Amino acid sequence: MMNEFNVLLAGVGGQGVILMSELLGKAAIADGLRVRGSEILGMAVRGGSVTSVIRIGEDVHGPLVPQGKCNILMGLEPSEALRHASYLAESGLVILNTAPIIPFTVSLGQSEYPGLDRVMEKLGAVAGRVIKLDAAKSAIEAGSPLATNVVMLGALFGVELLPVKTSTIKQIIEARFSPKLAPINLRAFDLGYEAAGRH
């Protein structure tokens, strides 16, 4: 049994961060693992920050991951990944969806959005490793742009660090979606899995 494994999912409203954590949590429980988690929701209608934490292991007692203790940071949106970089452990891994969602405050001239090169540079300075992928493109290839989060979930399993079985998460995905949408989401998962495996 693993003592502690922490995953932080960071994105914006509408990206399906909470669904990702729900699927991952259910799969971990189905595999008999001890799971704790928490969610922080911003103003989703305005593309506000959405963060979810999944903590797996016998030594996990609280729902929040301490700073410097995150094994994998899932950045569904580049600037949100950067915002949560301080949670990464020294050898932590970042899996980054490269497609930005520019906040409305940038359009209003109230804030600036960092370029992807700057995000990569800063993440690279604190992470043990950064994997970047165009999850939105893979989701469209799978059959639905809404499946970007499931592509990212596939990438999370593709790095083969999680104590959760790939077969279990696939069963959870199949059960969660309708017969029409399940094959699209399973394809999205496979594309993410393959993309992470190539890095």
C-alpha atoms as a PDB file:
ATOM      1  CA  MET A   1       0.000   0.000   0.000  1.00  0.00           C
ATOM      2  CA  MET A   2       1.336   3.431  -0.961  1.00  0.00           C
ATOM      3  CA  ASN A   3       1.747   5.818   1.981  1.00  0.00           C
ATOM      4  CA  GLU A   4       0.914   9.068   0.199  1.00  0.00           C
ATOM      5  CA  PHE A   5       0.332  10.158  -3.393  1.00  0.00           C
ATOM      6  CA  ASN A   6      -1.037  13.607  -4.185  1.00  0.00           C
ATOM      7  CA  VAL A   7      -2.559  14.865  -7.435  1.00  0.00           C
ATOM      8  CA  LEU A   8      -3.649  18.477  -7.887  1.00  0.00           C
ATOM      9  CA  LEU A   9      -5.953  19.323 -10.805  1.00  0.00           C
ATOM     10  CA  ALA A  10      -5.983  22.996 -11.806  1.00  0.00           C
ATOM     11  CA  GLY A  11      -8.117  24.616 -14.483  1.00  0.00           C
ATOM     12  CA  VAL A  12     -10.968  27.024 -15.024  1.00  0.00           C
ATOM     13  CA  GLY A  13     -14.735  26.743 -14.884  1.00  0.00           C
ATOM     14  CA  GLY A  14     -16.181  24.627 -17.685  1.00  0.00           C
ATOM     15  CA  GLN A  15     -13.103  22.443 -18.220  1.00  0.00           C
ATOM     16  CA  GLY A  16     -14.424  19.478 -16.257  1.00  0.00           C
ATOM     17  CA  VAL A  17     -11.891  19.527 -13.408  1.00  0.00           C
ATOM     18  CA  ILE A  18     -14.467  18.265 -10.889  1.00  0.00           C
ATOM     19  CA  LEU A  19     -15.549  15.428 -13.183  1.00  0.00           C
ATOM     20  CA  MET A  20     -11.899  14.385 -13.541  1.00  0.00           C
ATOM     21  CA  SER A  21     -11.455  14.231  -9.774  1.00  0.00           C
ATOM     22  CA  GLU A  22     -14.739  12.341  -9.382  1.00  0.00           C
ATOM     23  CA  LEU A  23     -13.634   9.685 -11.890  1.00  0.00           C
ATOM     24  CA  LEU A  24     -10.157   9.382 -10.365  1.00  0.00           C
ATOM     25  CA  GLY A  25     -11.515   9.195  -6.811  1.00  0.00           C
ATOM     26  CA  LYS A  26     -14.058   6.517  -7.709  1.00  0.00           C
ATOM     27  CA  ALA A  27     -11.389   4.438  -9.466  1.00  0.00           C
ATOM     28  CA  ALA A  28      -9.042   4.670  -6.469  1.00  0.00           C
ATOM     29  CA  ILE A  29     -11.837   3.586  -4.116  1.00  0.00           C
ATOM     30  CA  ALA A  30     -12.769   0.729  -6.454  1.00  0.00           C
ATOM     31  CA  ASP A  31      -9.147  -0.447  -6.239  1.00  0.00           C
ATOM     32  CA  GLY A  32      -9.414  -0.505  -2.446  1.00  0.00           C
ATOM     33  CA  LEU A  33      -7.263   2.574  -1.831  1.00  0.00           C
ATOM     34  CA  ARG A  34      -7.764   5.158   0.892  1.00  0.00           C
ATOM     35  CA  VAL A  35      -8.771   8.465  -0.705  1.00  0.00           C
ATOM     36  CA  ARG A  36      -9.186  12.039   0.527  1.00  0.00           C
ATOM     37  CA  GLY A  37     -10.004  15.051  -1.589  1.00  0.00           C
ATOM     38  CA  SER A  38     -11.178  18.629  -1.776  1.00  0.00           C
ATOM     39  CA  GLU A  39     -12.432  21.107  -4.359  1.00  0.00           C
ATOM     40  CA  ILE A  40     -12.068  24.862  -4.602  1.00  0.00           C
ATOM     41  CA  LEU A  41     -14.442  26.546  -7.030  1.00  0.00           C
ATOM     42  CA  GLY A  42     -13.962  30.060  -8.339  1.00  0.00           C
ATOM     43  CA  MET A  43     -16.536  31.960 -10.377  1.00  0.00           C
ATOM     44  CA  ALA A  44     -17.058  29.234 -12.941  1.00  0.00           C
ATOM     45  CA  VAL A  45     -19.355  31.348 -15.121  1.00  0.00           C
ATOM     46  CA  ARG A  46     -16.517  33.829 -15.548  1.00  0.00           C
ATOM     47  CA  GLY A  47     -13.872  31.222 -16.204  1.00  0.00           C
ATOM     48  CA  GLY A  48     -12.741  31.391 -12.576  1.00  0.00           C
ATOM     49  CA  SER A  49     -10.153  29.061 -11.067  1.00  0.00           C
ATOM     50  CA  VAL A  50     -11.249  25.524 -10.257  1.00  0.00           C
ATOM     51  CA  THR A  51      -8.914  23.313  -8.248  1.00  0.00           C
ATOM     52  CA  SER A  52      -9.389  19.765  -7.051  1.00  0.00           C
ATOM     53  CA  VAL A  53      -7.081  17.623  -4.948  1.00  0.00           C
ATOM     54  CA  ILE A  54      -7.024  13.834  -4.822  1.00  0.00           C
ATOM     55  CA  ARG A  55      -4.876  12.316  -2.080  1.00  0.00           C
ATOM     56  CA  ILE A  56      -4.293   8.565  -2.046  1.00  0.00           C
ATOM     57  CA  GLY A  57      -2.600   6.449   0.632  1.00  0.00           C
ATOM     58  CA  GLU A  58      -2.521   5.210   4.207  1.00  0.00           C
ATOM     59  CA  ASP A  59      -0.752   8.295   5.595  1.00  0.00           C
ATOM     60  CA  VAL A  60      -3.246  10.767   4.138  1.00  0.00           C
ATOM     61  CA  HIS A  61      -5.519  12.282   6.773  1.00  0.00           C
ATOM     62  CA  GLY A  62      -6.550  15.756   5.597  1.00  0.00           C
ATOM     63  CA  PRO A  63      -8.161  16.705   2.276  1.00  0.00           C
ATOM     64  CA  LEU A  64      -5.700  19.492   1.356  1.00  0.00           C
ATOM     65  CA  VAL A  65      -2.253  18.857  -0.092  1.00  0.00           C
ATOM     66  CA  PRO A  66       0.509  20.757   1.735  1.00  0.00           C
ATOM     67  CA  GLN A  67       2.754  23.014  -0.346  1.00  0.00           C
ATOM     68  CA  GLY A  68       5.750  21.100  -1.681  1.00  0.00           C
ATOM     69  CA  LYS A  69       3.994  17.734  -1.404  1.00  0.00           C
ATOM     70  CA  CYS A  70       2.198  17.388  -4.754  1.00  0.00           C
ATOM     71  CA  ASN A  71       3.429  14.441  -6.843  1.00  0.00           C
ATOM     72  CA  ILE A  72       1.568  15.392 -10.032  1.00  0.00           C
ATOM     73  CA  LEU A  73       0.162  18.778 -11.012  1.00  0.00           C
ATOM     74  CA  MET A  74      -2.426  18.508 -13.787  1.00  0.00           C
ATOM     75  CA  GLY A  75      -2.652  21.865 -15.535  1.00  0.00           C
ATOM     76  CA  LEU A  76      -5.755  21.932 -17.701  1.00  0.00           C
ATOM     77  CA  GLU A  77      -4.944  25.582 -18.371  1.00  0.00           C
ATOM     78  CA  PRO A  78      -1.333  26.916 -18.487  1.00  0.00           C
ATOM     79  CA  SER A  79      -1.655  29.966 -16.215  1.00  0.00           C
ATOM     80  CA  GLU A  80      -3.604  27.918 -13.646  1.00  0.00           C
ATOM     81  CA  ALA A  81      -0.791  25.351 -13.586  1.00  0.00           C
ATOM     82  CA  LEU A  82       1.676  28.166 -12.943  1.00  0.00           C
ATOM     83  CA  ARG A  83      -0.511  29.570 -10.167  1.00  0.00           C
ATOM     84  CA  HIS A  84      -0.329  26.245  -8.289  1.00  0.00           C
ATOM     85  CA  ALA A  85       3.354  25.415  -8.956  1.00  0.00           C
ATOM     86  CA  SER A  86       4.340  26.013  -5.306  1.00  0.00           C
ATOM     87  CA  TYR A  87       2.467  22.832  -4.345  1.00  0.00           C
ATOM     88  CA  LEU A  88       4.858  20.638  -6.362  1.00  0.00           C
ATOM     89  CA  ALA A  89       7.300  18.324  -4.663  1.00  0.00           C
ATOM     90  CA  GLU A  90      10.932  18.684  -5.826  1.00  0.00           C
ATOM     91  CA  SER A  91      10.658  15.665  -8.098  1.00  0.00           C
ATOM     92  CA  GLY A  92       7.044  16.526  -9.004  1.00  0.00           C
ATOM     93  CA  LEU A  93       5.620  16.073 -12.479  1.00  0.00           C
ATOM     94  CA  VAL A  94       3.528  18.606 -14.391  1.00  0.00           C
ATOM     95  CA  ILE A  95       1.164  17.448 -17.133  1.00  0.00           C
ATOM     96  CA  LEU A  96       0.166  20.571 -19.039  1.00  0.00           C
ATOM     97  CA  ASN A  97      -2.596  21.182 -21.555  1.00  0.00           C
ATOM     98  CA  THR A  98      -1.065  23.862 -23.785  1.00  0.00           C
ATOM     99  CA  ALA A  99      -4.348  25.484 -24.888  1.00  0.00           C
ATOM    100  CA  PRO A 100      -4.843  28.762 -22.975  1.00  0.00           C
ATOM    101  CA  ILE A 101      -8.184  30.160 -21.830  1.00  0.00           C
ATOM    102  CA  ILE A 102      -7.637  33.894 -21.631  1.00  0.00           C
ATOM    103  CA  PRO A 103      -9.475  35.458 -18.651  1.00  0.00           C
ATOM    104  CA  PHE A 104     -11.936  38.264 -19.363  1.00  0.00           C
ATOM    105  CA  THR A 105      -9.803  40.581 -17.196  1.00  0.00           C
ATOM    106  CA  VAL A 106      -7.062  40.418 -19.876  1.00  0.00           C
ATOM    107  CA  SER A 107      -9.520  41.611 -22.556  1.00  0.00           C
ATOM    108  CA  LEU A 108     -10.490  44.475 -20.240  1.00  0.00           C
ATOM    109  CA  GLY A 109      -6.839  45.399 -19.792  1.00  0.00           C
ATOM    110  CA  GLN A 110      -6.957  44.672 -16.051  1.00  0.00           C
ATOM    111  CA  SER A 111      -4.386  41.872 -16.086  1.00  0.00           C
ATOM    112  CA  GLU A 112      -1.746  40.252 -18.296  1.00  0.00           C
ATOM    113  CA  TYR A 113      -1.583  36.676 -19.512  1.00  0.00           C
ATOM    114  CA  PRO A 114       1.835  34.961 -19.477  1.00  0.00           C
ATOM    115  CA  GLY A 115       2.997  33.428 -22.772  1.00  0.00           C
ATOM    116  CA  LEU A 116       3.361  29.633 -22.975  1.00  0.00           C
ATOM    117  CA  ASP A 117       7.170  29.915 -23.165  1.00  0.00           C
ATOM    118  CA  ARG A 118       7.208  31.828 -19.877  1.00  0.00           C
ATOM    119  CA  VAL A 119       4.844  29.310 -18.263  1.00  0.00           C
ATOM    120  CA  MET A 120       7.054  26.420 -19.430  1.00  0.00           C
ATOM    121  CA  GLU A 121      10.221  28.139 -18.212  1.00  0.00           C
ATOM    122  CA  LYS A 122       8.793  28.800 -14.744  1.00  0.00           C
ATOM    123  CA  LEU A 123       7.279  25.326 -14.398  1.00  0.00           C
ATOM    124  CA  GLY A 124      10.522  23.754 -15.598  1.00  0.00           C
ATOM    125  CA  ALA A 125      12.403  25.576 -12.834  1.00  0.00           C
ATOM    126  CA  VAL A 126      10.312  24.001 -10.061  1.00  0.00           C
ATOM    127  CA  ALA A 127       9.184  20.647 -11.502  1.00  0.00           C
ATOM    128  CA  GLY A 128      11.183  17.468 -11.867  1.00  0.00           C
ATOM    129  CA  ARG A 129       9.583  17.034 -15.298  1.00  0.00           C
ATOM    130  CA  VAL A 130       6.997  18.774 -17.501  1.00  0.00           C
ATOM    131  CA  ILE A 131       4.911  16.964 -20.116  1.00  0.00           C
ATOM    132  CA  LYS A 132       2.973  19.226 -22.443  1.00  0.00           C
ATOM    133  CA  LEU A 133       0.219  18.152 -24.807  1.00  0.00           C
ATOM    134  CA  ASP A 134      -2.545  19.691 -26.868  1.00  0.00           C
ATOM    135  CA  ALA A 135      -5.386  17.910 -25.097  1.00  0.00           C
ATOM    136  CA  ALA A 136      -8.036  19.999 -26.861  1.00  0.00           C
ATOM    137  CA  LYS A 137      -6.798  18.791 -30.261  1.00  0.00           C
ATOM    138  CA  SER A 138      -6.838  15.163 -29.087  1.00  0.00           C
ATOM    139  CA  ALA A 139     -10.370  15.602 -27.714  1.00  0.00           C
ATOM    140  CA  ILE A 140     -11.597  16.790 -31.123  1.00  0.00           C
ATOM    141  CA  GLU A 141      -9.859  13.793 -32.706  1.00  0.00           C
ATOM    142  CA  ALA A 142     -11.704  11.528 -30.252  1.00  0.00           C
ATOM    143  CA  GLY A 143     -15.047  13.024 -31.292  1.00  0.00           C
ATOM    144  CA  SER A 144     -15.849  15.813 -28.812  1.00  0.00           C
ATOM    145  CA  PRO A 145     -14.054  19.006 -27.707  1.00  0.00           C
ATOM    146  CA  LEU A 146     -15.732  18.469 -24.317  1.00  0.00           C
ATOM    147  CA  ALA A 147     -13.520  15.408 -23.740  1.00  0.00           C
ATOM    148  CA  THR A 148     -10.358  17.481 -23.134  1.00  0.00           C
ATOM    149  CA  ASN A 149     -10.470  16.616 -19.425  1.00  0.00           C
ATOM    150  CA  VAL A 150     -10.644  12.882 -20.195  1.00  0.00           C
ATOM    151  CA  VAL A 151      -7.632  13.234 -22.534  1.00  0.00           C
ATOM    152  CA  MET A 152      -5.785  14.759 -19.575  1.00  0.00           C
ATOM    153  CA  LEU A 153      -6.977  11.917 -17.346  1.00  0.00           C
ATOM    154  CA  GLY A 154      -5.548   9.475 -19.886  1.00  0.00           C
ATOM    155  CA  ALA A 155      -2.223  11.326 -19.792  1.00  0.00           C
ATOM    156  CA  LEU A 156      -2.233  11.081 -15.995  1.00  0.00           C
ATOM    157  CA  PHE A 157      -2.475   7.293 -16.277  1.00  0.00           C
ATOM    158  CA  GLY A 158      -0.056   7.203 -19.227  1.00  0.00           C
ATOM    159  CA  VAL A 159       2.879   8.305 -17.048  1.00  0.00           C
ATOM    160  CA  GLU A 160       2.293   5.096 -15.029  1.00  0.00           C
ATOM    161  CA  LEU A 161       2.926   6.612 -11.593  1.00  0.00           C
ATOM    162  CA  LEU A 162      -0.554   6.266 -10.087  1.00  0.00           C
ATOM    163  CA  PRO A 163      -1.384   3.385  -7.744  1.00  0.00           C
ATOM    164  CA  VAL A 164      -4.729   2.989  -9.592  1.00  0.00           C
ATOM    165  CA  LYS A 165      -5.218   0.396 -12.343  1.00  0.00           C
ATOM    166  CA  THR A 166      -5.873   1.637 -15.884  1.00  0.00           C
ATOM    167  CA  SER A 167      -8.505  -1.073 -16.336  1.00  0.00           C
ATOM    168  CA  THR A 168     -10.383   0.286 -13.302  1.00  0.00           C
ATOM    169  CA  ILE A 169     -10.519   3.899 -14.523  1.00  0.00           C
ATOM    170  CA  LYS A 170     -11.742   2.697 -17.915  1.00  0.00           C
ATOM    171  CA  GLN A 171     -14.595   0.801 -16.231  1.00  0.00           C
ATOM    172  CA  ILE A 172     -15.473   3.947 -14.245  1.00  0.00           C
ATOM    173  CA  ILE A 173     -15.468   6.081 -17.430  1.00  0.00           C
ATOM    174  CA  GLU A 174     -17.660   3.579 -19.269  1.00  0.00           C
ATOM    175  CA  ALA A 175     -20.147   3.503 -16.380  1.00  0.00           C
ATOM    176  CA  ARG A 176     -20.227   7.313 -16.007  1.00  0.00           C
ATOM    177  CA  PHE A 177     -21.154   8.182 -19.599  1.00  0.00           C
ATOM    178  CA  SER A 178     -24.103   7.252 -21.801  1.00  0.00           C
ATOM    179  CA  PRO A 179     -23.672   4.443 -24.374  1.00  0.00           C
ATOM    180  CA  LYS A 180     -23.287   7.153 -27.047  1.00  0.00           C
ATOM    181  CA  LEU A 181     -20.627   9.174 -25.181  1.00  0.00           C
ATOM    182  CA  ALA A 182     -18.683   6.356 -23.482  1.00  0.00           C
ATOM    183  CA  PRO A 183     -16.763   5.266 -26.649  1.00  0.00           C
ATOM    184  CA  ILE A 184     -15.762   8.907 -27.359  1.00  0.00           C
ATOM    185  CA  ASN A 185     -14.461   9.345 -23.827  1.00  0.00           C
ATOM    186  CA  LEU A 186     -12.626   6.024 -23.849  1.00  0.00           C
ATOM    187  CA  ARG A 187     -10.972   7.055 -27.126  1.00  0.00           C
ATOM    188  CA  ALA A 188     -10.065  10.418 -25.571  1.00  0.00           C
ATOM    189  CA  PHE A 189      -8.537   8.584 -22.594  1.00  0.00           C
ATOM    190  CA  ASP A 190      -6.483   6.345 -24.908  1.00  0.00           C
ATOM    191  CA  LEU A 191      -5.183   9.325 -26.909  1.00  0.00           C
ATOM    192  CA  GLY A 192      -4.057  11.056 -23.714  1.00  0.00           C
ATOM    193  CA  TYR A 193      -2.491   7.843 -22.424  1.00  0.00           C
ATOM    194  CA  GLU A 194      -0.530   7.380 -25.652  1.00  0.00           C
ATOM    195  CA  ALA A 195       0.570  11.036 -25.757  1.00  0.00           C
ATOM    196  CA  ALA A 196       2.006  10.885 -22.223  1.00  0.00           C
ATOM    197  CA  GLY A 197       3.719   7.592 -22.972  1.00  0.00           C
ATOM    198  CA  ARG A 198       5.612   9.217 -25.864  1.00  0.00           C
ATOM    199  CA  HIS A 199       7.254  11.769 -23.508  1.00  0.00           C
END
